[in-house]
């Protein structure tokens, strides 16, 4: 009499509610910290850390520091990825969160250029690099927690939860800045008040410590996923995940990097660059839209609501139709959007709001599926490293230079954003080619 093995259904070792909360709250905190800097880079840092007689030069210098963090992100992806693929996801995610929280808190304590001269921007650059280093390890770990614990057929949906941290973090960060600006109003709508410049801007950075404590409490309750536990028990853990992923999966690293390119460029154009463009006076040498800080940030927050909605909506679409097909359609729409957005920006308040809503809706639809797509490209034993490198190297090609290039193109165009749109479309074309030559990952077994 023969005995047949009874099939065993793999179930996540973490409750679904804990998976959702742990993947969402960590990225919310990390993106909050990152956005706090992005907002301060426009409002405060050109005045306090990079004083210049030319406002555009000061803004570009501030954005250059913004880009420095993006350069640090792949380094963070390698270090945290190595730890995540060898030691596990949980401890690595806790370390990334602590690193980001400490760096952000210390920025809130920095002396300004007026007090210590060149030491002030040096310290700011150092801590900004620390932020980038931490974010380099955060995203891929959060995405792995979500996807490796997802129910069958719902990986893309669960992969949208860490992505949702981006719009939520944006709303919290900018909402806090709005509250402080309302408490410390300025007589000049194009400039922060003296009290805001003196101490008000520090509050959002210092507040991050409260959010980090909450995030640590949630993440310390996690246990490892089946995928990593199985890889460890079967002796598949790599001595050097970086060497392995570069040697065996270099093509997937390249594809993953280019998958994210249009997403990054669109994201930072719609957030960081748009805040500069929206607030620049109509009669300035490099003209903008002429909105006050409060008005335009409220407009941005309204647009980011659509970012959040379509991030969640994208998950079921990607689960049903596939990641590749969904992203090909969305990336094609981004390409067209970049070529036709100038008339919207010249159509007054309604046109600008339509521009923001379309841009952020497309952002949600392209960003959401990445939470599943990039992890699915790589096997378990190099998944943290591979997905993290692709995601963060793309940040150099896209996010690090996007605000800088956009401001330069905007200035060269005499205040017209036409060439900024062309730049977005060119990056979308590169992503579109990468998607066309790739294969669908919807049915990949990530526990194998």
Protein backbone atom coordinates (compact mmCIF):
# COMPACT_ATOMS: atom_id res chain seq x y z
CA UNK A 1 0.00 0.00 0.00
CA UNK A 2 1.53 3.30 -1.08
CA UNK A 3 1.13 6.51 0.74
CA UNK A 4 0.65 9.69 -1.26
CA UNK A 5 1.94 12.98 0.12
CA UNK A 6 -0.82 15.33 1.04
CA UNK A 7 -0.39 18.71 -0.71
CA UNK A 8 0.39 21.47 1.75
CA UNK A 9 -1.01 24.92 1.11
CA UNK A 10 1.48 27.63 2.02
CA UNK A 11 0.02 30.36 4.12
CA UNK A 12 1.62 33.63 5.18
CA UNK A 13 3.13 33.45 8.65
CA UNK A 14 2.12 37.05 9.31
CA UNK A 15 -1.56 38.06 9.61
CA UNK A 16 -2.69 40.01 6.56
CA UNK A 17 -3.58 43.06 8.63
CA UNK A 18 -0.07 43.12 10.10
CA UNK A 19 1.48 42.74 6.63
CA UNK A 20 -0.54 45.66 5.29
CA UNK A 21 0.23 47.88 8.27
CA UNK A 22 3.95 47.03 8.45
CA UNK A 23 4.52 47.60 4.74
CA UNK A 24 2.42 50.78 4.69
CA UNK A 25 3.53 52.53 7.86
CA UNK A 26 7.25 52.14 7.22
CA UNK A 27 7.17 53.59 3.73
CA UNK A 28 4.81 56.34 4.91
CA UNK A 29 7.38 57.41 7.51
CA UNK A 30 10.29 57.10 5.09
CA UNK A 31 8.53 59.11 2.39
CA UNK A 32 7.34 61.64 4.95
CA UNK A 33 10.95 62.23 5.95
CA UNK A 34 11.99 62.50 2.32
CA UNK A 35 9.18 64.95 1.44
CA UNK A 36 9.90 67.12 4.44
CA UNK A 37 13.32 67.69 2.93
CA UNK A 38 11.90 68.17 -0.58
CA UNK A 39 9.55 70.90 0.65
CA UNK A 40 12.28 72.57 2.71
CA UNK A 41 14.57 72.41 -0.35
CA UNK A 42 12.16 74.77 -2.12
CA UNK A 43 11.05 76.98 0.78
CA UNK A 44 13.89 77.21 3.25
CA UNK A 45 17.27 75.77 2.33
CA UNK A 46 18.08 78.20 -0.53
CA UNK A 47 17.83 81.01 2.06
CA UNK A 48 19.43 79.35 5.10
CA UNK A 49 22.05 76.98 3.71
CA UNK A 50 22.81 78.17 0.15
CA UNK A 51 22.54 81.98 0.19
CA UNK A 52 23.05 83.55 -3.22
CA UNK A 53 22.25 86.80 -4.97
CA UNK A 54 20.69 84.72 -7.75
CA UNK A 55 17.54 82.92 -6.45
CA UNK A 56 17.73 80.33 -9.22
CA UNK A 57 21.33 79.49 -8.28
CA UNK A 58 20.31 78.98 -4.67
CA UNK A 59 17.42 76.76 -5.72
CA UNK A 60 19.65 74.67 -7.99
CA UNK A 61 22.19 74.24 -5.18
CA UNK A 62 19.42 73.06 -2.87
CA UNK A 63 18.19 70.61 -5.50
CA UNK A 64 21.76 69.36 -5.98
CA UNK A 65 21.75 68.28 -2.33
CA UNK A 66 18.33 66.75 -2.95
CA UNK A 67 19.96 64.70 -5.71
CA UNK A 68 22.85 63.65 -3.45
CA UNK A 69 20.44 61.49 -1.49
CA UNK A 70 19.39 59.73 -4.68
CA UNK A 71 23.03 58.86 -5.37
CA UNK A 72 23.26 57.36 -1.87
CA UNK A 73 20.18 55.23 -2.37
CA UNK A 74 21.84 52.47 -4.46
CA UNK A 75 24.56 52.20 -1.79
CA UNK A 76 21.83 51.71 0.80
CA UNK A 77 20.17 49.16 -1.46
CA UNK A 78 23.39 47.14 -1.66
CA UNK A 79 24.15 47.24 2.10
CA UNK A 80 20.61 46.69 3.33
CA UNK A 81 19.94 44.25 0.50
CA UNK A 82 22.95 42.18 1.55
CA UNK A 83 21.64 42.08 5.12
CA UNK A 84 18.05 41.43 4.03
CA UNK A 85 19.01 38.50 1.79
CA UNK A 86 21.38 36.98 4.38
CA UNK A 87 19.86 37.85 7.77
CA UNK A 88 16.21 38.39 6.97
CA UNK A 89 13.74 41.13 6.12
CA UNK A 90 12.60 42.11 9.63
CA UNK A 91 15.87 43.25 11.25
CA UNK A 92 16.94 45.00 8.05
CA UNK A 93 13.72 47.00 7.84
CA UNK A 94 14.08 48.08 11.46
CA UNK A 95 17.63 49.28 10.75
CA UNK A 96 16.54 51.26 7.68
CA UNK A 97 13.76 52.96 9.60
CA UNK A 98 16.06 53.93 12.48
CA UNK A 99 18.67 55.34 10.09
CA UNK A 100 16.13 57.51 8.30
CA UNK A 101 14.57 58.72 11.55
CA UNK A 102 17.88 59.74 13.12
CA UNK A 103 19.08 61.58 10.00
CA UNK A 104 15.80 63.48 9.64
CA UNK A 105 15.68 64.43 13.32
CA UNK A 106 19.23 65.78 13.22
CA UNK A 107 18.47 67.96 10.17
CA UNK A 108 15.95 69.72 12.39
CA UNK A 109 18.78 70.62 14.79
CA UNK A 110 21.29 71.95 12.24
CA UNK A 111 22.87 75.41 12.51
CA UNK A 112 22.47 77.61 9.41
CA UNK A 113 25.03 79.15 7.05
CA UNK A 114 24.80 82.46 8.88
CA UNK A 115 26.00 80.80 12.11
CA UNK A 116 28.71 78.37 10.98
CA UNK A 117 29.38 79.15 7.30
CA UNK A 118 30.24 76.30 4.95
CA UNK A 119 29.95 73.74 7.77
CA UNK A 120 26.14 74.13 7.62
CA UNK A 121 25.67 72.90 4.02
CA UNK A 122 28.30 70.20 4.64
CA UNK A 123 26.31 68.83 7.57
CA UNK A 124 23.10 69.09 5.57
CA UNK A 125 24.63 67.13 2.69
CA UNK A 126 25.89 64.46 5.11
CA UNK A 127 22.51 63.94 6.73
CA UNK A 128 20.75 64.09 3.39
CA UNK A 129 23.00 61.28 2.18
CA UNK A 130 22.00 59.38 5.33
CA UNK A 131 18.34 59.81 4.36
CA UNK A 132 19.03 58.46 0.89
CA UNK A 133 21.04 55.55 2.29
CA UNK A 134 18.12 54.58 4.53
CA UNK A 135 15.47 54.90 1.83
CA UNK A 136 17.63 52.70 -0.38
CA UNK A 137 17.05 49.85 2.04
CA UNK A 138 13.48 50.65 3.02
CA UNK A 139 11.46 50.29 -0.14
CA UNK A 140 12.54 46.85 -1.30
CA UNK A 141 12.16 45.40 2.20
CA UNK A 142 8.64 46.80 2.54
CA UNK A 143 7.73 45.51 -0.92
CA UNK A 144 9.03 42.06 -0.03
CA UNK A 145 7.05 41.97 3.23
CA UNK A 146 3.91 42.74 1.21
CA UNK A 147 4.45 40.44 -1.77
CA UNK A 148 6.02 37.45 0.01
CA UNK A 149 3.05 37.35 2.40
CA UNK A 150 0.35 38.07 -0.21
CA UNK A 151 -2.54 35.65 -0.87
CA UNK A 152 -2.51 33.81 -4.20
CA UNK A 153 -3.51 36.00 -7.14
CA UNK A 154 -3.30 39.24 -5.12
CA UNK A 155 0.42 40.02 -5.13
CA UNK A 156 0.02 43.23 -7.13
CA UNK A 157 -2.77 44.42 -4.83
CA UNK A 158 -0.68 43.74 -1.70
CA UNK A 159 2.33 45.30 -3.47
CA UNK A 160 0.44 48.59 -3.68
CA UNK A 161 0.38 49.04 0.11
CA UNK A 162 4.05 50.03 0.49
CA UNK A 163 3.54 52.24 -2.59
CA UNK A 164 0.64 53.94 -0.85
CA UNK A 165 3.11 55.27 1.71
CA UNK A 166 4.31 57.78 -0.89
CA UNK A 167 1.08 59.80 -1.25
CA UNK A 168 0.24 59.47 2.45
CA UNK A 169 3.72 60.64 3.46
CA UNK A 170 3.43 63.57 1.05
CA UNK A 171 0.10 64.66 2.49
CA UNK A 172 1.30 64.45 6.10
CA UNK A 173 4.56 66.29 5.40
CA UNK A 174 3.04 69.10 3.38
CA UNK A 175 -0.02 69.31 5.60
CA UNK A 176 2.26 69.89 8.59
CA UNK A 177 4.17 72.59 6.70
CA UNK A 178 0.85 74.24 5.83
CA UNK A 179 -0.25 74.28 9.46
CA UNK A 180 3.05 75.84 10.53
CA UNK A 181 2.89 78.40 7.73
CA UNK A 182 -0.65 79.33 8.83
CA UNK A 183 0.50 79.78 12.42
CA UNK A 184 3.52 81.81 11.25
CA UNK A 185 2.09 83.80 8.31
CA UNK A 186 4.21 85.89 5.95
CA UNK A 187 3.45 89.35 4.58
CA UNK A 188 5.09 88.33 1.29
CA UNK A 189 3.29 85.29 -0.26
CA UNK A 190 6.39 84.39 -2.26
CA UNK A 191 8.58 84.15 0.88
CA UNK A 192 8.27 82.27 4.20
CA UNK A 193 7.93 84.45 7.31
CA UNK A 194 10.93 85.36 9.44
CA UNK A 195 9.72 83.09 12.26
CA UNK A 196 9.23 80.22 9.78
CA UNK A 197 12.80 80.64 8.54
CA UNK A 198 14.16 80.97 12.05
CA UNK A 199 12.56 77.95 13.74
CA UNK A 200 9.22 76.93 12.20
CA UNK A 201 10.76 74.81 9.44
CA UNK A 202 12.46 72.60 12.05
CA UNK A 203 9.21 71.22 13.51
CA UNK A 204 8.41 68.69 10.71
CA UNK A 205 11.94 67.27 10.95
CA UNK A 206 11.78 66.91 14.73
CA UNK A 207 8.27 65.44 14.57
CA UNK A 208 9.60 62.47 12.61
CA UNK A 209 10.86 60.87 15.83
CA UNK A 210 7.25 60.29 16.93
CA UNK A 211 6.41 58.54 13.67
CA UNK A 212 9.53 56.39 13.83
CA UNK A 213 8.57 55.09 17.29
CA UNK A 214 5.18 54.02 15.95
CA UNK A 215 6.78 52.36 12.92
CA UNK A 216 9.27 50.44 15.05
CA UNK A 217 6.51 49.12 17.27
CA UNK A 218 4.71 47.69 14.24
CA UNK A 219 7.76 46.22 12.53
CA UNK A 220 9.21 44.56 15.61
CA UNK A 221 6.07 42.38 15.69
CA UNK A 222 6.75 40.91 12.24
CA UNK A 223 8.09 37.40 11.62
CA UNK A 224 9.94 36.25 8.51
CA UNK A 225 8.05 35.24 5.37
CA UNK A 226 7.76 31.65 4.11
CA UNK A 227 9.86 32.57 1.07
CA UNK A 228 12.92 33.66 3.07
CA UNK A 229 12.51 30.92 5.70
CA UNK A 230 12.37 28.25 2.98
CA UNK A 231 15.42 29.67 1.21
CA UNK A 232 17.36 29.62 4.49
CA UNK A 233 16.31 26.08 5.39
CA UNK A 234 17.24 24.81 1.93
CA UNK A 235 20.71 26.39 2.09
CA UNK A 236 20.03 28.79 -0.78
CA UNK A 237 21.19 31.93 1.05
CA UNK A 238 24.03 33.50 -0.93
CA UNK A 239 27.37 34.48 0.60
CA UNK A 240 27.41 37.54 -1.64
CA UNK A 241 23.93 38.45 -2.94
CA UNK A 242 25.36 41.42 -4.86
CA UNK A 243 27.86 39.32 -6.80
CA UNK A 244 25.22 36.70 -7.50
CA UNK A 245 22.59 39.12 -8.76
CA UNK A 246 25.05 41.00 -10.98
CA UNK A 247 26.49 37.78 -12.44
CA UNK A 248 23.27 35.82 -12.93
CA UNK A 249 20.55 38.46 -13.24
CA UNK A 250 22.20 41.53 -14.79
CA UNK A 251 19.62 41.76 -17.56
CA UNK A 252 16.80 41.87 -15.03
CA UNK A 253 18.67 44.57 -13.08
CA UNK A 254 18.79 46.71 -16.23
CA UNK A 255 15.16 46.10 -17.11
CA UNK A 256 14.01 46.88 -13.57
CA UNK A 257 16.00 50.11 -13.60
CA UNK A 258 14.39 51.29 -16.83
CA UNK A 259 10.93 50.12 -15.72
CA UNK A 260 11.09 52.76 -12.97
CA UNK A 261 12.56 55.61 -15.01
CA UNK A 262 9.34 57.27 -16.22
CA UNK A 263 7.77 56.79 -12.79
CA UNK A 264 10.60 58.62 -11.02
CA UNK A 265 10.74 61.50 -13.49
CA UNK A 266 6.98 62.02 -13.40
CA UNK A 267 6.92 61.83 -9.61
CA UNK A 268 9.57 64.46 -8.97
CA UNK A 269 8.28 66.77 -11.70
CA UNK A 270 4.79 66.68 -10.21
CA UNK A 271 6.01 67.26 -6.63
CA UNK A 272 9.36 69.03 -6.27
CA UNK A 273 9.58 70.90 -9.58
CA UNK A 274 5.90 71.84 -9.67
CA UNK A 275 6.19 73.50 -6.24
CA UNK A 276 8.91 75.78 -7.63
CA UNK A 277 7.07 76.44 -10.89
CA UNK A 278 3.70 77.00 -9.23
CA UNK A 279 5.06 79.56 -6.73
CA UNK A 280 7.31 81.56 -9.09
CA UNK A 281 5.84 85.06 -9.79
CA UNK A 282 4.25 85.71 -13.17
CA UNK A 283 6.58 88.66 -13.79
CA UNK A 284 9.79 86.94 -12.65
CA UNK A 285 12.72 86.57 -15.12
CA UNK A 286 11.87 82.86 -15.11
CA UNK A 287 8.09 83.12 -14.90
CA UNK A 288 5.89 80.66 -13.06
CA UNK A 289 2.22 80.35 -12.22
CA UNK A 290 2.25 82.98 -9.47
CA UNK A 291 0.40 81.07 -6.74
CA UNK A 292 1.07 81.58 -3.04
CA UNK A 293 2.72 78.73 -1.16
CA UNK A 294 -0.45 77.86 0.75
CA UNK A 295 -2.67 77.85 -2.33
CA UNK A 296 -0.38 75.73 -4.45
CA UNK A 297 0.36 73.19 -1.72
CA UNK A 298 -3.38 72.74 -1.20
CA UNK A 299 -3.68 72.16 -4.95
CA UNK A 300 -0.84 69.63 -4.77
CA UNK A 301 -2.46 67.79 -1.88
CA UNK A 302 -5.72 67.59 -3.85
CA UNK A 303 -3.77 66.07 -6.75
CA UNK A 304 -1.94 63.63 -4.48
CA UNK A 305 -5.30 62.26 -3.30
CA UNK A 306 -5.71 60.94 -6.87
CA UNK A 307 -2.18 59.54 -6.64
CA UNK A 308 -3.27 57.46 -3.65
CA UNK A 309 -6.56 56.36 -5.20
CA UNK A 310 -5.00 55.17 -8.45
CA UNK A 311 -2.12 53.48 -6.63
CA UNK A 312 -4.69 51.18 -5.04
CA UNK A 313 -6.74 50.86 -8.23
CA UNK A 314 -3.67 49.75 -10.19
CA UNK A 315 -3.25 46.60 -8.07
CA UNK A 316 -6.39 44.73 -9.20
CA UNK A 317 -5.72 45.80 -12.81
CA UNK A 318 -2.16 44.42 -12.67
CA UNK A 319 -3.39 41.21 -11.05
CA UNK A 320 -6.06 40.70 -13.70
CA UNK A 321 -4.33 41.89 -16.89
CA UNK A 322 -0.67 41.48 -15.91
CA UNK A 323 1.98 43.96 -14.80
CA UNK A 324 3.53 44.39 -18.24
CA UNK A 325 0.33 45.10 -20.16
CA UNK A 326 -0.94 47.53 -17.51
CA UNK A 327 2.33 49.47 -17.45
CA UNK A 328 2.65 49.62 -21.23
CA UNK A 329 -0.71 51.39 -21.44
CA UNK A 330 0.07 53.76 -18.56
CA UNK A 331 3.57 54.60 -19.80
CA UNK A 332 2.17 55.40 -23.25
CA UNK A 333 -0.26 57.80 -21.57
CA UNK A 334 2.62 59.45 -19.66
CA UNK A 335 4.47 59.95 -22.94
CA UNK A 336 1.47 61.72 -24.46
CA UNK A 337 0.87 63.74 -21.27
CA UNK A 338 4.36 65.26 -21.41
CA UNK A 339 3.79 66.48 -24.98
CA UNK A 340 0.38 68.08 -24.43
CA UNK A 341 0.49 69.58 -20.93
CA UNK A 342 1.44 73.19 -21.86
CA UNK A 343 -2.11 74.26 -22.89
CA UNK A 344 -3.41 73.02 -19.53
CA UNK A 345 -0.92 75.18 -17.65
CA UNK A 346 -2.09 78.22 -19.59
CA UNK A 347 -5.77 77.65 -18.80
CA UNK A 348 -5.87 79.20 -15.35
CA UNK A 349 -6.74 77.50 -12.07
CA UNK A 350 -8.96 74.86 -13.69
CA UNK A 351 -6.30 73.93 -16.23
CA UNK A 352 -3.59 73.65 -13.57
CA UNK A 353 -5.82 71.44 -11.39
CA UNK A 354 -6.57 69.19 -14.37
CA UNK A 355 -2.81 69.00 -15.01
CA UNK A 356 -2.16 67.98 -11.40
CA UNK A 357 -5.00 65.45 -11.31
CA UNK A 358 -3.96 63.78 -14.57
CA UNK A 359 -0.28 63.75 -13.61
CA UNK A 360 -0.86 62.29 -10.17
CA UNK A 361 -3.42 59.76 -11.45
CA UNK A 362 -0.88 58.50 -13.97
CA UNK A 363 1.68 58.46 -11.18
CA UNK A 364 -0.50 56.18 -9.08
CA UNK A 365 -1.16 53.83 -11.98
CA UNK A 366 2.54 53.47 -12.85
CA UNK A 367 3.87 53.39 -9.27
CA UNK A 368 1.42 50.86 -7.84
CA UNK A 369 2.39 47.75 -9.88
CA UNK A 370 6.12 48.29 -9.20
CA UNK A 371 5.64 46.93 -5.67
CA UNK A 372 5.04 43.49 -7.19
CA UNK A 373 6.89 43.71 -10.52
CA UNK A 374 10.40 44.42 -9.25
CA UNK A 375 10.41 41.73 -6.52
CA UNK A 376 9.00 39.21 -9.02
CA UNK A 377 12.01 39.69 -11.29
CA UNK A 378 14.40 38.00 -8.84
CA UNK A 379 14.62 34.71 -6.89
CA UNK A 380 14.22 34.79 -3.10
CA UNK A 381 17.93 34.60 -2.24
CA UNK A 382 18.77 37.83 -4.11
CA UNK A 383 15.33 39.47 -4.18
CA UNK A 384 16.03 42.19 -1.59
CA UNK A 385 19.29 43.15 -3.31
CA UNK A 386 18.04 42.90 -6.89
CA UNK A 387 14.78 44.79 -6.48
CA UNK A 388 16.48 47.41 -4.29
CA UNK A 389 19.28 48.08 -6.78
CA UNK A 390 16.89 48.40 -9.72
CA UNK A 391 14.57 50.71 -7.81
CA UNK A 392 17.35 52.92 -6.48
CA UNK A 393 19.72 53.07 -9.46
CA UNK A 394 16.72 54.34 -11.35
CA UNK A 395 16.47 57.07 -8.71
CA UNK A 396 19.81 58.44 -9.95
CA UNK A 397 18.78 58.39 -13.61
CA UNK A 398 15.33 59.78 -12.84
CA UNK A 399 14.75 61.42 -9.47
CA UNK A 400 18.26 62.70 -8.71
CA UNK A 401 18.49 64.77 -11.85
CA UNK A 402 14.82 65.40 -12.66
CA UNK A 403 14.27 68.57 -10.56
CA UNK A 404 17.70 69.92 -11.59
CA UNK A 405 17.13 69.29 -15.32
CA UNK A 406 13.57 70.59 -15.08
CA UNK A 407 14.65 73.90 -13.49
CA UNK A 408 17.40 74.27 -16.11
CA UNK A 409 14.98 73.59 -19.00
CA UNK A 410 12.38 75.89 -17.45
CA UNK A 411 14.99 78.67 -17.15
CA UNK A 412 16.29 78.09 -20.68
CA UNK A 413 12.73 78.26 -21.98
CA UNK A 414 12.17 81.66 -20.39
CA UNK A 415 9.48 80.32 -18.05
CA UNK A 416 7.81 77.92 -20.48
CA UNK A 417 7.54 74.29 -19.24
CA UNK A 418 7.36 72.92 -22.80
CA UNK A 419 10.83 71.34 -22.77
CA UNK A 420 10.20 69.95 -19.31
CA UNK A 421 7.29 68.01 -20.81
CA UNK A 422 9.46 66.82 -23.70
CA UNK A 423 11.99 65.57 -21.15
CA UNK A 424 9.27 63.55 -19.39
CA UNK A 425 8.10 62.07 -22.70
CA UNK A 426 11.65 61.05 -23.63
CA UNK A 427 12.09 59.20 -20.34
CA UNK A 428 8.68 57.53 -20.80
CA UNK A 429 9.80 56.30 -24.23
CA UNK A 430 12.83 54.57 -22.66
CA UNK A 431 10.59 52.87 -20.10
CA UNK A 432 8.15 51.85 -22.81
CA UNK A 433 10.90 50.10 -24.79
CA UNK A 434 12.05 48.24 -21.66
CA UNK A 435 8.51 47.03 -20.99
CA UNK A 436 7.96 45.91 -24.58
CA UNK A 437 11.10 43.70 -24.59
CA UNK A 438 10.35 42.22 -21.13
CA UNK A 439 8.29 39.20 -20.07
CA UNK A 440 5.21 39.06 -17.85
CA UNK A 441 5.88 38.17 -14.18
CA UNK A 442 2.28 37.78 -12.99
CA UNK A 443 2.45 33.99 -12.62
CA UNK A 444 6.01 33.68 -11.26
CA UNK A 445 6.29 31.51 -8.12
CA UNK A 446 8.16 33.77 -5.68
CA UNK A 447 8.46 30.98 -3.09
CA UNK A 448 10.52 28.85 -5.48
